[in-house]
Amino acid sequence: MTDFDYSEYSIETLQNAIARCEDEIRDTESRCKSYLKKIKKPRGYSALKLDYFATYILHSITMLKHLKQEIAECEEEIKKR
């Protein structure tokens, strides 16, 4: 996200972006925990569904990293002002 110009946006907009990212992080972490429980106790789930859960968890790691990076960049821009 280094090529994105956060200076175009107001502080309020950046704070809203941070809040949305934090909400998304909480939701994603919660969903990953739920899926991990289902993988550990796979009763009633097909192998395909369990693979879906595992894939979601793996891709969530990257998504969480990007969300945290976006928060850091927004906070850095707010500190500049």
PDB file of N, CA and C in Angstrom:
ATOM      1  N   MET A   1       0.815  -1.184   0.000  1.00  0.00           N
ATOM      2  CA  MET A   1       0.000   0.000   0.000  1.00  0.00           C
ATOM      3  C   MET A   1       0.867   1.260   0.000  1.00  0.00           C
ATOM      4  N   THR A   2       2.123   1.132  -0.259  1.00  0.00           N
ATOM      5  CA  THR A   2       3.007   2.287  -0.223  1.00  0.00           C
ATOM      6  C   THR A   2       2.711   3.281  -1.335  1.00  0.00           C
ATOM      7  N   ASP A   3       2.055   2.874  -2.390  1.00  0.00           N
ATOM      8  CA  ASP A   3       1.768   3.783  -3.488  1.00  0.00           C
ATOM      9  C   ASP A   3       0.454   4.542  -3.281  1.00  0.00           C
ATOM     10  N   PHE A   4      -0.219   4.310  -2.193  1.00  0.00           N
ATOM     11  CA  PHE A   4      -1.486   4.982  -1.912  1.00  0.00           C
ATOM     12  C   PHE A   4      -1.206   6.283  -1.176  1.00  0.00           C
ATOM     13  N   ASP A   5      -1.863   7.355  -1.578  1.00  0.00           N
ATOM     14  CA  ASP A   5      -1.612   8.674  -0.994  1.00  0.00           C
ATOM     15  C   ASP A   5      -2.695   9.003   0.036  1.00  0.00           C
ATOM     16  N   TYR A   6      -2.352   8.831   1.306  1.00  0.00           N
ATOM     17  CA  TYR A   6      -3.300   9.097   2.386  1.00  0.00           C
ATOM     18  C   TYR A   6      -3.450  10.589   2.667  1.00  0.00           C
ATOM     19  N   SER A   7      -2.542  11.405   2.156  1.00  0.00           N
ATOM     20  CA  SER A   7      -2.588  12.840   2.448  1.00  0.00           C
ATOM     21  C   SER A   7      -3.794  13.531   1.827  1.00  0.00           C
ATOM     22  N   GLU A   8      -4.456  12.886   0.896  1.00  0.00           N
ATOM     23  CA  GLU A   8      -5.639  13.459   0.251  1.00  0.00           C
ATOM     24  C   GLU A   8      -6.852  13.483   1.178  1.00  0.00           C
ATOM     25  N   TYR A   9      -6.826  12.683   2.232  1.00  0.00           N
ATOM     26  CA  TYR A   9      -7.998  12.478   3.062  1.00  0.00           C
ATOM     27  C   TYR A   9      -7.900  13.222   4.387  1.00  0.00           C
ATOM     28  N   SER A  10      -9.057  13.599   4.905  1.00  0.00           N
ATOM     29  CA  SER A  10      -9.100  14.304   6.185  1.00  0.00           C
ATOM     30  C   SER A  10      -8.787  13.336   7.322  1.00  0.00           C
ATOM     31  N   ILE A  11      -8.493  13.915   8.466  1.00  0.00           N
ATOM     32  CA  ILE A  11      -8.195  13.105   9.646  1.00  0.00           C
ATOM     33  C   ILE A  11      -9.405  12.250  10.022  1.00  0.00           C
ATOM     34  N   GLU A  12     -10.576  12.820   9.901  1.00  0.00           N
ATOM     35  CA  GLU A  12     -11.797  12.074  10.230  1.00  0.00           C
ATOM     36  C   GLU A  12     -11.951  10.851   9.334  1.00  0.00           C
ATOM     37  N   THR A  13     -11.684  11.007   8.064  1.00  0.00           N
ATOM     38  CA  THR A  13     -11.778   9.887   7.124  1.00  0.00           C
ATOM     39  C   THR A  13     -10.758   8.811   7.470  1.00  0.00           C
ATOM     40  N   LEU A  14      -9.555   9.224   7.820  1.00  0.00           N
ATOM     41  CA  LEU A  14      -8.518   8.261   8.204  1.00  0.00           C
ATOM     42  C   LEU A  14      -8.890   7.532   9.488  1.00  0.00           C
ATOM     43  N   GLN A  15      -9.472   8.257  10.444  1.00  0.00           N
ATOM     44  CA  GLN A  15      -9.910   7.619  11.688  1.00  0.00           C
ATOM     45  C   GLN A  15     -11.031   6.623  11.422  1.00  0.00           C
ATOM     46  N   ASN A  16     -11.927   6.947  10.505  1.00  0.00           N
ATOM     47  CA  ASN A  16     -12.986   6.008  10.131  1.00  0.00           C
ATOM     48  C   ASN A  16     -12.395   4.766   9.463  1.00  0.00           C
ATOM     49  N   ALA A  17     -11.390   4.957   8.628  1.00  0.00           N
ATOM     50  CA  ALA A  17     -10.726   3.822   7.974  1.00  0.00           C
ATOM     51  C   ALA A  17     -10.064   2.922   9.009  1.00  0.00           C
ATOM     52  N   ILE A  18      -9.431   3.542  10.013  1.00  0.00           N
ATOM     53  CA  ILE A  18      -8.807   2.768  11.086  1.00  0.00           C
ATOM     54  C   ILE A  18      -9.858   1.967  11.845  1.00  0.00           C
ATOM     55  N   ALA A  19     -10.976   2.596  12.167  1.00  0.00           N
ATOM     56  CA  ALA A  19     -12.049   1.914  12.896  1.00  0.00           C
ATOM     57  C   ALA A  19     -12.603   0.739  12.092  1.00  0.00           C
ATOM     58  N   ARG A  20     -12.796   0.945  10.794  1.00  0.00           N
ATOM     59  CA  ARG A  20     -13.299  -0.148   9.945  1.00  0.00           C
ATOM     60  C   ARG A  20     -12.302  -1.294   9.886  1.00  0.00           C
ATOM     61  N   CYS A  21     -11.017  -0.978   9.782  1.00  0.00           N
ATOM     62  CA  CYS A  21      -9.992  -2.019   9.757  1.00  0.00           C
ATOM     63  C   CYS A  21      -9.968  -2.796  11.076  1.00  0.00           C
ATOM     64  N   GLU A  22     -10.078  -2.074  12.185  1.00  0.00           N
ATOM     65  CA  GLU A  22     -10.092  -2.746  13.490  1.00  0.00           C
ATOM     66  C   GLU A  22     -11.304  -3.659  13.627  1.00  0.00           C
ATOM     67  N   ASP A  23     -12.463  -3.220  13.138  1.00  0.00           N
ATOM     68  CA  ASP A  23     -13.662  -4.069  13.150  1.00  0.00           C
ATOM     69  C   ASP A  23     -13.458  -5.317  12.294  1.00  0.00           C
ATOM     70  N   GLU A  24     -12.865  -5.120  11.129  1.00  0.00           N
ATOM     71  CA  GLU A  24     -12.611  -6.250  10.229  1.00  0.00           C
ATOM     72  C   GLU A  24     -11.623  -7.228  10.845  1.00  0.00           C
ATOM     73  N   ILE A  25     -10.625  -6.717  11.541  1.00  0.00           N
ATOM     74  CA  ILE A  25      -9.654  -7.585  12.215  1.00  0.00           C
ATOM     75  C   ILE A  25     -10.357  -8.422  13.279  1.00  0.00           C
ATOM     76  N   ARG A  26     -11.194  -7.775  14.090  1.00  0.00           N
ATOM     77  CA  ARG A  26     -11.929  -8.517  15.132  1.00  0.00           C
ATOM     78  C   ARG A  26     -12.831  -9.583  14.528  1.00  0.00           C
ATOM     79  N   ASP A  27     -13.553  -9.223  13.478  1.00  0.00           N
ATOM     80  CA  ASP A  27     -14.453 -10.190  12.834  1.00  0.00           C
ATOM     81  C   ASP A  27     -13.685 -11.362  12.242  1.00  0.00           C
ATOM     82  N   THR A  28     -12.588 -11.072  11.579  1.00  0.00           N
ATOM     83  CA  THR A  28     -11.789 -12.123  10.948  1.00  0.00           C
ATOM     84  C   THR A  28     -11.179 -13.046  11.990  1.00  0.00           C
ATOM     85  N   GLU A  29     -10.629 -12.466  13.054  1.00  0.00           N
ATOM     86  CA  GLU A  29     -10.045 -13.296  14.112  1.00  0.00           C
ATOM     87  C   GLU A  29     -11.103 -14.174  14.768  1.00  0.00           C
ATOM     88  N   SER A  30     -12.284 -13.632  14.981  1.00  0.00           N
ATOM     89  CA  SER A  30     -13.373 -14.398  15.574  1.00  0.00           C
ATOM     90  C   SER A  30     -13.786 -15.560  14.664  1.00  0.00           C
ATOM     91  N   ARG A  31     -13.908 -15.269  13.379  1.00  0.00           N
ATOM     92  CA  ARG A  31     -14.295 -16.310  12.427  1.00  0.00           C
ATOM     93  C   ARG A  31     -13.223 -17.396  12.334  1.00  0.00           C
ATOM     94  N   CYS A  32     -11.952 -16.993  12.381  1.00  0.00           N
ATOM     95  CA  CYS A  32     -10.862 -17.971  12.339  1.00  0.00           C
ATOM     96  C   CYS A  32     -10.894 -18.881  13.562  1.00  0.00           C
ATOM     97  N   LYS A  33     -11.145 -18.303  14.736  1.00  0.00           N
ATOM     98  CA  LYS A  33     -11.240 -19.112  15.949  1.00  0.00           C
ATOM     99  C   LYS A  33     -12.381 -20.122  15.837  1.00  0.00           C
ATOM    100  N   SER A  34     -13.500 -19.667  15.300  1.00  0.00           N
ATOM    101  CA  SER A  34     -14.652 -20.550  15.131  1.00  0.00           C
ATOM    102  C   SER A  34     -14.326 -21.694  14.166  1.00  0.00           C
ATOM    103  N   TYR A  35     -13.696 -21.351  13.061  1.00  0.00           N
ATOM    104  CA  TYR A  35     -13.340 -22.375  12.069  1.00  0.00           C
ATOM    105  C   TYR A  35     -12.303 -23.338  12.618  1.00  0.00           C
ATOM    106  N   LEU A  36     -11.369 -22.829  13.425  1.00  0.00           N
ATOM    107  CA  LEU A  36     -10.358 -23.696  14.017  1.00  0.00           C
ATOM    108  C   LEU A  36     -10.999 -24.715  14.959  1.00  0.00           C
ATOM    109  N   LYS A  37     -11.997 -24.281  15.719  1.00  0.00           N
ATOM    110  CA  LYS A  37     -12.719 -25.214  16.591  1.00  0.00           C
ATOM    111  C   LYS A  37     -13.399 -26.299  15.761  1.00  0.00           C
ATOM    112  N   LYS A  38     -13.980 -25.905  14.634  1.00  0.00           N
ATOM    113  CA  LYS A  38     -14.659 -26.869  13.771  1.00  0.00           C
ATOM    114  C   LYS A  38     -13.679 -27.851  13.155  1.00  0.00           C
ATOM    115  N   ILE A  39     -12.478 -27.379  12.846  1.00  0.00           N
ATOM    116  CA  ILE A  39     -11.464 -28.272  12.282  1.00  0.00           C
ATOM    117  C   ILE A  39     -10.984 -29.259  13.345  1.00  0.00           C
ATOM    118  N   LYS A  40     -10.837 -28.777  14.583  1.00  0.00           N
ATOM    119  CA  LYS A  40     -10.373 -29.657  15.665  1.00  0.00           C
ATOM    120  C   LYS A  40     -11.408 -30.718  16.016  1.00  0.00           C
ATOM    121  N   LYS A  41     -12.693 -30.363  15.917  1.00  0.00           N
ATOM    122  CA  LYS A  41     -13.776 -31.312  16.180  1.00  0.00           C
ATOM    123  C   LYS A  41     -14.669 -31.357  14.937  1.00  0.00           C
ATOM    124  N   PRO A  42     -14.268 -32.140  13.937  1.00  0.00           N
ATOM    125  CA  PRO A  42     -14.920 -32.071  12.625  1.00  0.00           C
ATOM    126  C   PRO A  42     -16.248 -32.822  12.498  1.00  0.00           C
ATOM    127  N   ARG A  43     -16.863 -33.149  13.597  1.00  0.00           N
ATOM    128  CA  ARG A  43     -18.120 -33.907  13.520  1.00  0.00           C
ATOM    129  C   ARG A  43     -19.150 -33.194  12.650  1.00  0.00           C
ATOM    130  N   GLY A  44     -19.663 -33.896  11.655  1.00  0.00           N
ATOM    131  CA  GLY A  44     -20.740 -33.371  10.829  1.00  0.00           C
ATOM    132  C   GLY A  44     -20.293 -32.508   9.665  1.00  0.00           C
ATOM    133  N   TYR A  45     -19.009 -32.309   9.504  1.00  0.00           N
ATOM    134  CA  TYR A  45     -18.527 -31.489   8.395  1.00  0.00           C
ATOM    135  C   TYR A  45     -17.838 -32.372   7.360  1.00  0.00           C
ATOM    136  N   SER A  46     -18.111 -32.091   6.103  1.00  0.00           N
ATOM    137  CA  SER A  46     -17.466 -32.842   5.034  1.00  0.00           C
ATOM    138  C   SER A  46     -16.009 -32.420   4.911  1.00  0.00           C
ATOM    139  N   ALA A  47     -15.227 -33.239   4.239  1.00  0.00           N
ATOM    140  CA  ALA A  47     -13.820 -32.922   4.018  1.00  0.00           C
ATOM    141  C   ALA A  47     -13.694 -31.628   3.206  1.00  0.00           C
ATOM    142  N   LEU A  48     -14.597 -31.431   2.277  1.00  0.00           N
ATOM    143  CA  LEU A  48     -14.579 -30.224   1.459  1.00  0.00           C
ATOM    144  C   LEU A  48     -14.807 -28.979   2.319  1.00  0.00           C
ATOM    145  N   LYS A  49     -15.768 -29.062   3.227  1.00  0.00           N
ATOM    146  CA  LYS A  49     -16.064 -27.934   4.105  1.00  0.00           C
ATOM    147  C   LYS A  49     -14.888 -27.654   5.038  1.00  0.00           C
ATOM    148  N   LEU A  50     -14.262 -28.699   5.561  1.00  0.00           N
ATOM    149  CA  LEU A  50     -13.098 -28.524   6.427  1.00  0.00           C
ATOM    150  C   LEU A  50     -11.931 -27.894   5.661  1.00  0.00           C
ATOM    151  N   ASP A  51     -11.779 -28.287   4.388  1.00  0.00           N
ATOM    152  CA  ASP A  51     -10.755 -27.660   3.547  1.00  0.00           C
ATOM    153  C   ASP A  51     -11.057 -26.184   3.350  1.00  0.00           C
ATOM    154  N   TYR A  52     -12.322 -25.844   3.197  1.00  0.00           N
ATOM    155  CA  TYR A  52     -12.719 -24.443   3.073  1.00  0.00           C
ATOM    156  C   TYR A  52     -12.321 -23.677   4.322  1.00  0.00           C
ATOM    157  N   PHE A  53     -12.608 -24.244   5.495  1.00  0.00           N
ATOM    158  CA  PHE A  53     -12.257 -23.587   6.752  1.00  0.00           C
ATOM    159  C   PHE A  53     -10.742 -23.349   6.827  1.00  0.00           C
ATOM    160  N   ALA A  54      -9.958 -24.371   6.493  1.00  0.00           N
ATOM    161  CA  ALA A  54      -8.502 -24.261   6.554  1.00  0.00           C
ATOM    162  C   ALA A  54      -7.989 -23.216   5.567  1.00  0.00           C
ATOM    163  N   THR A  55      -8.552 -23.197   4.378  1.00  0.00           N
ATOM    164  CA  THR A  55      -8.144 -22.212   3.368  1.00  0.00           C
ATOM    165  C   THR A  55      -8.478 -20.810   3.832  1.00  0.00           C
ATOM    166  N   TYR A  56      -9.639 -20.630   4.415  1.00  0.00           N
ATOM    167  CA  TYR A  56     -10.034 -19.310   4.927  1.00  0.00           C
ATOM    168  C   TYR A  56      -9.041 -18.828   5.976  1.00  0.00           C
ATOM    169  N   ILE A  57      -8.659 -19.721   6.883  1.00  0.00           N
ATOM    170  CA  ILE A  57      -7.718 -19.354   7.934  1.00  0.00           C
ATOM    171  C   ILE A  57      -6.368 -18.950   7.332  1.00  0.00           C
ATOM    172  N   LEU A  58      -5.887 -19.716   6.357  1.00  0.00           N
ATOM    173  CA  LEU A  58      -4.601 -19.400   5.737  1.00  0.00           C
ATOM    174  C   LEU A  58      -4.629 -18.049   5.029  1.00  0.00           C
ATOM    175  N   HIS A  59      -5.698 -17.767   4.319  1.00  0.00           N
ATOM    176  CA  HIS A  59      -5.793 -16.503   3.598  1.00  0.00           C
ATOM    177  C   HIS A  59      -6.043 -15.336   4.554  1.00  0.00           C
ATOM    178  N   SER A  60      -6.647 -15.615   5.670  1.00  0.00           N
ATOM    179  CA  SER A  60      -6.910 -14.561   6.655  1.00  0.00           C
ATOM    180  C   SER A  60      -5.623 -14.011   7.243  1.00  0.00           C
ATOM    181  N   ILE A  61      -4.609 -14.841   7.336  1.00  0.00           N
ATOM    182  CA  ILE A  61      -3.324 -14.390   7.868  1.00  0.00           C
ATOM    183  C   ILE A  61      -2.788 -13.242   7.023  1.00  0.00           C
ATOM    184  N   THR A  62      -2.852 -13.398   5.714  1.00  0.00           N
ATOM    185  CA  THR A  62      -2.383 -12.343   4.810  1.00  0.00           C
ATOM    186  C   THR A  62      -3.278 -11.117   4.897  1.00  0.00           C
ATOM    187  N   MET A  63      -4.576 -11.341   4.947  1.00  0.00           N
ATOM    188  CA  MET A  63      -5.506 -10.222   5.023  1.00  0.00           C
ATOM    189  C   MET A  63      -5.291  -9.425   6.315  1.00  0.00           C
ATOM    190  N   LEU A  64      -5.082 -10.105   7.422  1.00  0.00           N
ATOM    191  CA  LEU A  64      -4.847  -9.423   8.696  1.00  0.00           C
ATOM    192  C   LEU A  64      -3.561  -8.599   8.645  1.00  0.00           C
ATOM    193  N   LYS A  65      -2.544  -9.155   7.992  1.00  0.00           N
ATOM    194  CA  LYS A  65      -1.283  -8.422   7.863  1.00  0.00           C
ATOM    195  C   LYS A  65      -1.494  -7.119   7.093  1.00  0.00           C
ATOM    196  N   HIS A  66      -2.265  -7.185   6.012  1.00  0.00           N
ATOM    197  CA  HIS A  66      -2.526  -5.990   5.210  1.00  0.00           C
ATOM    198  C   HIS A  66      -3.393  -4.976   5.957  1.00  0.00           C
ATOM    199  N   LEU A  67      -4.357  -5.454   6.712  1.00  0.00           N
ATOM    200  CA  LEU A  67      -5.194  -4.543   7.494  1.00  0.00           C
ATOM    201  C   LEU A  67      -4.369  -3.809   8.551  1.00  0.00           C
ATOM    202  N   LYS A  68      -3.487  -4.535   9.216  1.00  0.00           N
ATOM    203  CA  LYS A  68      -2.633  -3.914  10.227  1.00  0.00           C
ATOM    204  C   LYS A  68      -1.676  -2.909   9.590  1.00  0.00           C
ATOM    205  N   GLN A  69      -1.207  -3.228   8.395  1.00  0.00           N
ATOM    206  CA  GLN A  69      -0.337  -2.296   7.675  1.00  0.00           C
ATOM    207  C   GLN A  69      -1.096  -1.023   7.306  1.00  0.00           C
ATOM    208  N   GLU A  70      -2.344  -1.180   6.882  1.00  0.00           N
ATOM    209  CA  GLU A  70      -3.149  -0.016   6.529  1.00  0.00           C
ATOM    210  C   GLU A  70      -3.402   0.866   7.756  1.00  0.00           C
ATOM    211  N   ILE A  71      -3.663   0.245   8.895  1.00  0.00           N
ATOM    212  CA  ILE A  71      -3.848   1.005  10.132  1.00  0.00           C
ATOM    213  C   ILE A  71      -2.588   1.795  10.451  1.00  0.00           C
ATOM    214  N   ALA A  72      -1.438   1.142  10.339  1.00  0.00           N
ATOM    215  CA  ALA A  72      -0.174   1.814  10.641  1.00  0.00           C
ATOM    216  C   ALA A  72       0.055   3.001   9.703  1.00  0.00           C
ATOM    217  N   GLU A  73      -0.258   2.836   8.430  1.00  0.00           N
ATOM    218  CA  GLU A  73      -0.065   3.921   7.471  1.00  0.00           C
ATOM    219  C   GLU A  73      -1.027   5.079   7.736  1.00  0.00           C
ATOM    220  N   CYS A  74      -2.254   4.770   8.104  1.00  0.00           N
ATOM    221  CA  CYS A  74      -3.214   5.833   8.438  1.00  0.00           C
ATOM    222  C   CYS A  74      -2.766   6.580   9.688  1.00  0.00           C
ATOM    223  N   GLU A  75      -2.324   5.849  10.702  1.00  0.00           N
ATOM    224  CA  GLU A  75      -1.860   6.483  11.933  1.00  0.00           C
ATOM    225  C   GLU A  75      -0.620   7.341  11.674  1.00  0.00           C
ATOM    226  N   GLU A  76       0.255   6.880  10.801  1.00  0.00           N
ATOM    227  CA  GLU A  76       1.457   7.640  10.446  1.00  0.00           C
ATOM    228  C   GLU A  76       1.060   8.964   9.770  1.00  0.00           C
ATOM    229  N   GLU A  77       0.065   8.916   8.894  1.00  0.00           N
ATOM    230  CA  GLU A  77      -0.382  10.116   8.213  1.00  0.00           C
ATOM    231  C   GLU A  77      -1.039  11.094   9.205  1.00  0.00           C
ATOM    232  N   ILE A  78      -1.783  10.565  10.155  1.00  0.00           N
ATOM    233  CA  ILE A  78      -2.418  11.425  11.172  1.00  0.00           C
ATOM    234  C   ILE A  78      -1.334  12.104  12.016  1.00  0.00           C
ATOM    235  N   LYS A  79      -0.276  11.390  12.341  1.00  0.00           N
ATOM    236  CA  LYS A  79       0.795  11.971  13.155  1.00  0.00           C
ATOM    237  C   LYS A  79       1.542  13.067  12.413  1.00  0.00           C
ATOM    238  N   LYS A  80       1.586  12.984  11.101  1.00  0.00           N
ATOM    239  CA  LYS A  80       2.274  14.008  10.303  1.00  0.00           C
ATOM    240  C   LYS A  80       1.581  15.363  10.371  1.00  0.00           C
ATOM    241  N   ARG A  81       0.298  15.354  10.636  1.00  0.00           N
ATOM    242  CA  ARG A  81      -0.485  16.596  10.602  1.00  0.00           C
ATOM    243  C   ARG A  81      -0.474  17.337  11.905  1.00  0.00           C
TER     244      ARG A  81
END
